[in-house]
Protein backbone atom coordinates (compact mmCIF):
# COMPACT_ATOMS: atom_id res chain seq x y z
CA MET A 1 -30.76 33.13 -6.53
CA ILE A 2 -28.04 34.09 -4.37
CA ASP A 3 -24.72 33.71 -5.31
CA THR A 4 -22.58 30.86 -3.00
CA THR A 5 -19.31 31.75 -4.96
CA THR A 6 -16.35 32.93 -2.71
CA PHE A 7 -15.37 36.54 -3.71
CA SER A 8 -12.21 37.85 -4.18
CA THR A 9 -13.33 41.23 -2.66
CA ARG A 10 -15.96 42.68 -0.53
CA SER A 11 -17.13 44.68 -3.63
CA GLU A 12 -17.57 41.62 -5.98
CA ALA A 13 -19.89 39.97 -2.71
CA ILE A 14 -21.82 43.17 -2.69
CA ALA A 15 -22.32 43.23 -6.47
CA SER A 16 -23.54 39.54 -5.95
CA ILE A 17 -26.48 40.72 -3.32
CA THR A 18 -27.46 43.62 -5.72
CA ASP A 19 -27.57 41.30 -8.73
CA ALA A 20 -29.78 39.14 -6.92
CA ILE A 21 -32.30 41.78 -5.68
CA GLU A 22 -32.50 42.99 -9.23
CA ALA A 23 -32.65 39.40 -10.92
CA GLY A 24 -36.73 38.97 -10.62
CA GLY A 25 -37.39 42.23 -12.52
CA ALA A 26 -39.17 43.40 -9.92
CA VAL A 27 -36.37 45.76 -8.93
CA THR A 28 -34.42 47.62 -11.45
CA ASP A 29 -32.45 49.86 -8.89
CA ALA A 30 -31.54 47.80 -5.43
CA SER A 31 -29.80 50.57 -4.25
CA ALA A 32 -32.66 52.89 -4.88
CA GLU A 33 -34.79 50.88 -2.96
CA PHE A 34 -32.69 49.36 -0.53
CA ASP A 35 -29.80 50.15 1.98
CA ILE A 36 -26.92 47.72 -0.04
CA ASP A 37 -24.49 49.12 2.42
CA ALA A 38 -26.66 47.51 5.64
CA ILE A 39 -27.20 44.31 3.89
CA ALA A 40 -23.77 43.58 3.15
CA ASP A 41 -22.85 44.63 6.65
CA GLU A 42 -25.17 41.70 8.05
CA LEU A 43 -24.43 38.80 5.09
CA VAL A 44 -20.94 39.46 4.02
CA THR A 45 -18.81 37.32 6.02
CA GLU A 46 -14.22 37.62 5.66
CA HIS A 47 -12.60 34.99 5.80
CA ALA A 48 -8.98 34.24 5.76
CA ASP A 49 -6.33 31.45 6.92
CA GLU A 50 -3.53 32.68 9.79
CA THR A 51 -0.42 31.90 10.26
CA PRO A 52 0.82 29.63 13.36
CA GLU A 53 1.36 32.98 15.11
CA GLY A 54 -2.15 34.41 14.56
CA ALA A 55 -1.01 36.82 11.79
CA THR A 56 -3.46 36.90 8.49
CA ILE A 57 -1.87 35.85 5.30
CA ALA A 58 -3.41 38.60 2.92
CA SER A 59 -3.41 35.87 -0.06
CA SER A 60 -5.89 34.26 1.61
CA ILE A 61 -8.57 36.74 2.21
CA ASN A 62 -11.73 36.25 0.65
CA PHE A 63 -15.32 37.27 1.49
CA PHE A 64 -18.54 35.01 1.21
CA ILE A 65 -22.63 35.80 1.64
CA ASP A 66 -23.26 33.79 4.98
CA ALA A 67 -26.91 33.25 4.44
CA ASP A 68 -29.67 31.07 3.38
CA GLU A 69 -32.34 32.07 0.92
CA ASP A 70 -34.70 32.82 3.20
CA THR A 71 -32.28 34.83 5.50
CA PHE A 72 -31.08 36.45 2.46
CA TRP A 73 -34.60 37.76 1.49
CA ALA A 74 -35.45 38.68 5.30
CA THR A 75 -32.43 40.34 5.24
CA VAL A 76 -33.14 42.56 2.11
CA THR A 77 -36.69 43.14 3.12
CA ALA A 78 -35.45 44.95 6.46
CA HIS A 79 -33.11 47.34 4.99
CA GLU A 80 -36.17 48.50 2.50
CA LEU A 81 -35.56 52.26 1.98
CA ASP A 82 -38.69 54.21 2.83
CA GLY A 83 -40.00 57.34 0.64
CA LYS A 84 -40.96 54.82 -2.03
């Protein structure tokens, strides 16, 4: 299952992706079988509030996985590494 939490850091969001891939037990080392960075580039979204002048409010930056379950798994599958 995909965690729909808002994360404080991109690394936390990426860890959630890895956990989701490994949760079923069929994959024990997601980073050895999938390009985790490419998956994160497609799925992890950053959000931050802005001042009226358009400046980012640093304390408001957060990350989330922007995908439903079908999109998540399609993206994971698309980034399977060769040579298994």
